[in-house]
Amino acid sequence: MTLDPGSAAIIQLAWARRLGLDDDAFGDALASGERIVRADESARTVEFVRLFGSSALVGPQAVIDAAADIPDEEMAHHVTLLKLTRERGGHGLGAAALFFADDLPLQQPSEELTVSHGNPEAIELEGRCPPDDVNEVGLSDLENRYTIVHEVDGRRVPLACGAYGEWEGLLGNMGVLVDPEWRRQGLGGLAGSIAAHEALAAGLTLQWRADVSNTGCLALARKLGLSAGGIQTSVHLR
């Protein structure tokens, strides 16, 4: 779906605040054509973010200086930040594609579903999923959770969870986790749609972050109807 220009401005504002930048930083950068930089000698991470044609780099001054002549296309690769931070022990995190939406079509289930808003079901679902999936989705950081449950022998079993957390009071940062035994049955899309419409009803613009190598997560974002809008590349420092 097409993203309204006003929504793009809201997304840039939220990210500017998240990165400790001036509210108008991304808009000003688009006009000037220059990369936004903020030196932070106490930073434990280095972050490069590109949104709708504007980019920002936050980290120690030495890293900012080393990156000055590197084009955005190259900065978007995780290996570039790893090289720039090698002497500081740069590791982990990776690159995430950023998707956004200010409206989505509502997905209707083919049969009646039971949805829980409680934490126990979401926690149980995490225990049924591979650790890498659990870490990437990060349900513990997404305070609004909607878990599809199924009755099995009188017990409610969690199958999939769609969730979102508020960023700067402006964005609903989303995630979806599905029990491996119940994948490829459309439950991820249904759980994501439920969470998305709850976030939209709360007045938030939707955000979806997916590791660039996670083809399933990227496909689900597109299936839900979100539009690609940028990339976030990050490394931890020693």
Protein backbone atom coordinates (compact mmCIF):
# COMPACT_ATOMS: atom_id res chain seq x y z
CA MET A 1 0.00 0.00 0.00
CA THR A 2 1.11 3.59 -0.61
CA LEU A 3 2.41 5.46 2.42
CA ASP A 4 1.06 8.97 2.98
CA PRO A 5 3.79 11.69 2.91
CA GLY A 6 2.65 12.84 6.34
CA SER A 7 3.23 9.33 7.69
CA ALA A 8 6.77 9.34 6.27
CA ALA A 9 7.42 12.53 8.23
CA ILE A 10 6.11 10.88 11.41
CA ILE A 11 8.42 7.90 10.86
CA GLN A 12 11.42 10.18 10.37
CA LEU A 13 10.50 12.12 13.52
CA ALA A 14 10.28 8.93 15.58
CA TRP A 15 13.66 7.72 14.33
CA ALA A 16 15.26 11.13 14.86
CA ARG A 17 14.19 11.02 18.50
CA ARG A 18 15.22 7.38 18.82
CA LEU A 19 18.72 8.27 17.60
CA GLY A 20 19.03 11.42 19.70
CA LEU A 21 18.83 13.79 16.70
CA ASP A 22 16.96 17.05 16.15
CA ASP A 23 13.31 16.49 15.22
CA ASP A 24 13.81 17.86 11.70
CA ALA A 25 17.11 16.08 11.08
CA PHE A 26 15.93 13.66 8.37
CA GLY A 27 13.95 16.29 6.49
CA ASP A 28 16.87 18.73 6.56
CA ALA A 29 19.24 16.00 5.37
CA LEU A 30 17.01 15.21 2.39
CA ALA A 31 17.11 18.87 1.37
CA SER A 32 20.89 19.20 1.82
CA GLY A 33 21.84 15.77 0.51
CA GLU A 34 24.22 15.30 3.44
CA ARG A 35 24.38 12.41 5.89
CA ILE A 36 23.30 13.18 9.45
CA VAL A 37 25.95 12.32 12.05
CA ARG A 38 25.95 12.39 15.84
CA ALA A 39 29.12 11.63 17.75
CA ASP A 40 28.64 9.67 20.97
CA GLU A 41 31.83 8.51 22.63
CA SER A 42 29.89 6.53 25.26
CA ALA A 43 27.84 4.61 22.69
CA ARG A 44 27.76 0.84 23.07
CA THR A 45 26.40 0.45 19.54
CA VAL A 46 26.99 2.09 16.17
CA GLU A 47 23.86 2.61 14.09
CA PHE A 48 23.40 3.52 10.45
CA VAL A 49 19.82 4.23 9.38
CA ARG A 50 18.50 5.18 5.95
CA LEU A 51 14.90 6.38 5.63
CA PHE A 52 13.18 7.62 2.47
CA GLY A 53 16.41 8.91 0.93
CA SER A 54 18.00 10.40 4.10
CA SER A 55 20.65 8.69 6.20
CA ALA A 56 22.09 8.99 9.71
CA LEU A 57 25.12 7.54 11.49
CA VAL A 58 25.47 7.56 15.27
CA GLY A 59 28.58 6.35 17.11
CA PRO A 60 32.08 7.37 18.22
CA GLN A 61 33.67 10.24 16.29
CA ALA A 62 36.47 8.02 14.98
CA VAL A 63 33.93 5.73 13.31
CA ILE A 64 32.06 8.71 11.85
CA ASP A 65 35.31 10.08 10.42
CA ALA A 66 36.25 6.71 8.92
CA ALA A 67 32.83 6.45 7.26
CA ALA A 68 32.84 9.96 5.79
CA ASP A 69 33.72 8.90 2.24
CA ILE A 70 31.77 5.63 2.20
CA PRO A 71 28.50 5.86 0.21
CA ASP A 72 25.19 4.98 1.84
CA GLU A 73 24.75 1.89 -0.33
CA GLU A 74 27.93 0.44 1.16
CA MET A 75 27.15 1.62 4.70
CA ALA A 76 23.91 -0.34 4.56
CA HIS A 77 25.92 -3.59 4.52
CA HIS A 78 26.62 -5.06 7.95
CA VAL A 79 30.15 -6.04 6.93
CA THR A 80 31.01 -2.36 6.40
CA LEU A 81 30.21 -1.45 10.00
CA LEU A 82 32.07 -4.53 11.20
CA LYS A 83 35.20 -3.37 9.36
CA LEU A 84 34.87 0.20 10.66
CA THR A 85 34.54 -1.00 14.26
CA ARG A 86 36.97 -3.92 14.19
CA GLU A 87 39.41 -2.21 16.59
CA ARG A 88 36.55 -1.54 19.01
CA GLY A 89 35.33 -5.14 18.96
CA GLY A 90 32.33 -4.51 16.70
CA HIS A 91 30.07 -7.57 16.52
CA GLY A 92 26.49 -8.80 16.16
CA LEU A 93 23.14 -7.16 15.42
CA GLY A 94 23.27 -7.10 11.59
CA ALA A 95 21.11 -5.33 9.02
CA ALA A 96 17.32 -5.02 9.12
CA ALA A 97 14.99 -3.96 6.33
CA LEU A 98 12.40 -1.44 7.52
CA PHE A 99 8.77 -1.64 6.39
CA PHE A 100 5.95 0.79 7.22
CA ALA A 101 2.21 1.30 6.79
CA ASP A 102 -0.47 3.76 7.86
CA ASP A 103 -3.34 1.50 6.78
CA LEU A 104 -3.72 -2.20 5.99
CA PRO A 105 -6.43 -4.49 4.67
CA LEU A 106 -7.99 -6.58 7.42
CA GLN A 107 -7.39 -10.31 7.06
CA GLN A 108 -10.45 -12.39 7.94
CA PRO A 109 -9.98 -15.92 9.36
CA SER A 110 -11.78 -18.80 7.67
CA GLU A 111 -13.02 -19.98 11.07
CA GLU A 112 -13.57 -18.47 14.52
CA LEU A 113 -10.35 -17.93 16.46
CA THR A 114 -9.61 -17.47 20.14
CA VAL A 115 -7.15 -14.66 20.84
CA SER A 116 -5.49 -14.15 24.21
CA HIS A 117 -4.03 -10.84 25.42
CA GLY A 118 -2.19 -12.51 28.30
CA ASN A 119 1.54 -12.97 28.80
CA PRO A 120 1.58 -16.68 29.81
CA GLU A 121 0.49 -17.81 26.34
CA ALA A 122 3.13 -15.65 24.62
CA ILE A 123 5.82 -16.97 26.96
CA GLU A 124 4.74 -20.57 26.34
CA LEU A 125 4.85 -19.94 22.59
CA GLU A 126 8.45 -18.70 22.86
CA GLY A 127 9.34 -21.99 24.54
CA ARG A 128 8.02 -23.87 21.51
CA CYS A 129 10.11 -21.88 19.00
CA PRO A 130 13.82 -21.89 18.02
CA PRO A 131 15.92 -19.41 20.08
CA ASP A 132 17.02 -17.50 16.97
CA ASP A 133 13.39 -16.81 16.06
CA VAL A 134 12.57 -15.81 19.64
CA ASN A 135 15.51 -13.40 19.80
CA GLU A 136 14.74 -11.79 16.45
CA VAL A 137 11.05 -11.19 17.17
CA GLY A 138 11.64 -10.09 20.79
CA LEU A 139 8.11 -10.51 22.14
CA SER A 140 9.38 -9.49 25.59
CA ASP A 141 10.01 -5.98 24.20
CA LEU A 142 6.58 -5.73 22.55
CA GLU A 143 4.14 -4.99 25.34
CA ASN A 144 0.90 -5.45 23.36
CA ARG A 145 0.51 -9.16 22.48
CA TYR A 146 -2.27 -11.00 20.69
CA THR A 147 -1.85 -14.78 20.78
CA ILE A 148 -3.98 -17.15 18.72
CA VAL A 149 -4.71 -20.20 20.87
CA HIS A 150 -6.16 -23.61 20.03
CA GLU A 151 -8.02 -25.98 22.36
CA VAL A 152 -6.22 -29.34 22.67
CA ASP A 153 -7.51 -31.89 25.19
CA GLY A 154 -9.06 -29.13 27.25
CA ARG A 155 -5.87 -27.05 27.29
CA ARG A 156 -5.28 -23.74 25.46
CA VAL A 157 -2.20 -24.15 23.26
CA PRO A 158 -0.62 -21.01 21.73
CA LEU A 159 -0.06 -21.22 17.96
CA ALA A 160 0.97 -17.73 16.87
CA CYS A 161 1.42 -14.29 18.38
CA GLY A 162 1.29 -10.86 16.77
CA ALA A 163 2.57 -8.02 18.92
CA TYR A 164 3.65 -4.40 18.88
CA GLY A 165 5.49 -1.97 21.11
CA GLU A 166 5.28 1.83 21.01
CA TRP A 167 8.26 3.81 19.73
CA GLU A 168 8.32 7.45 20.81
CA GLY A 169 4.52 7.41 21.03
CA LEU A 170 4.42 7.48 17.20
CA LEU A 171 5.24 4.04 15.79
CA GLY A 172 3.86 0.59 16.49
CA ASN A 173 6.96 -1.62 16.14
CA MET A 174 5.63 -5.06 15.19
CA GLY A 175 6.68 -8.66 15.47
CA VAL A 176 5.11 -12.07 14.78
CA LEU A 177 6.09 -15.47 16.16
CA VAL A 178 4.56 -18.78 15.02
CA ASP A 179 4.95 -22.30 16.43
CA PRO A 180 7.11 -24.19 13.86
CA GLU A 181 4.55 -27.03 13.72
CA TRP A 182 1.82 -24.57 12.66
CA ARG A 183 3.67 -22.52 10.07
CA ARG A 184 2.64 -22.15 6.41
CA GLN A 185 -1.05 -22.18 7.39
CA GLY A 186 -1.64 -18.45 7.36
CA LEU A 187 -1.51 -17.99 11.13
CA GLY A 188 1.41 -15.56 10.96
CA GLY A 189 -0.54 -13.29 8.64
CA LEU A 190 -3.65 -13.45 10.85
CA ALA A 191 -1.71 -12.74 14.05
CA GLY A 192 0.15 -9.91 12.35
CA SER A 193 -3.08 -8.43 11.01
CA ILE A 194 -4.67 -8.47 14.47
CA ALA A 195 -1.70 -6.70 16.06
CA ALA A 196 -1.45 -4.23 13.17
CA HIS A 197 -5.06 -3.12 13.42
CA GLU A 198 -4.81 -2.77 17.19
CA ALA A 199 -1.79 -0.49 16.68
CA LEU A 200 -3.56 1.51 13.97
CA ALA A 201 -6.60 1.89 16.24
CA ALA A 202 -4.24 3.32 18.88
CA GLY A 203 -3.22 6.02 16.39
CA LEU A 204 0.22 4.58 15.58
CA THR A 205 2.00 4.22 12.26
CA LEU A 206 3.16 0.62 11.69
CA GLN A 207 6.80 -0.42 11.57
CA TRP A 208 8.22 -3.86 10.77
CA ARG A 209 11.93 -4.69 11.09
CA ALA A 210 13.19 -7.86 9.40
CA ASP A 211 16.72 -9.20 9.13
CA VAL A 212 17.72 -8.86 5.48
CA SER A 213 18.52 -12.59 5.34
CA ASN A 214 15.20 -13.72 6.86
CA THR A 215 13.20 -14.43 3.71
CA GLY A 216 10.15 -15.63 5.65
CA CYS A 217 9.93 -12.46 7.73
CA LEU A 218 10.42 -10.26 4.66
CA ALA A 219 7.70 -12.14 2.79
CA LEU A 220 5.27 -11.80 5.71
CA ALA A 221 5.80 -8.03 5.86
CA ARG A 222 4.93 -7.77 2.17
CA LYS A 223 1.98 -10.16 2.54
CA LEU A 224 0.53 -7.95 5.26
CA GLY A 225 0.79 -4.99 2.91
CA LEU A 226 3.63 -2.97 4.44
CA SER A 227 5.89 -0.89 2.19
CA ALA A 228 9.70 -0.91 2.24
CA GLY A 229 11.06 2.40 3.51
CA GLY A 230 14.63 1.96 4.65
CA ILE A 231 17.31 -0.08 6.37
CA GLN A 232 18.95 -0.17 9.80
CA THR A 233 22.49 -1.53 10.21
CA SER A 234 23.97 -1.88 13.69
CA VAL A 235 26.92 -3.33 15.59
CA HIS A 236 27.67 -3.74 19.28
CA LEU A 237 30.96 -2.34 20.55
CA ARG A 238 33.26 -4.10 22.97
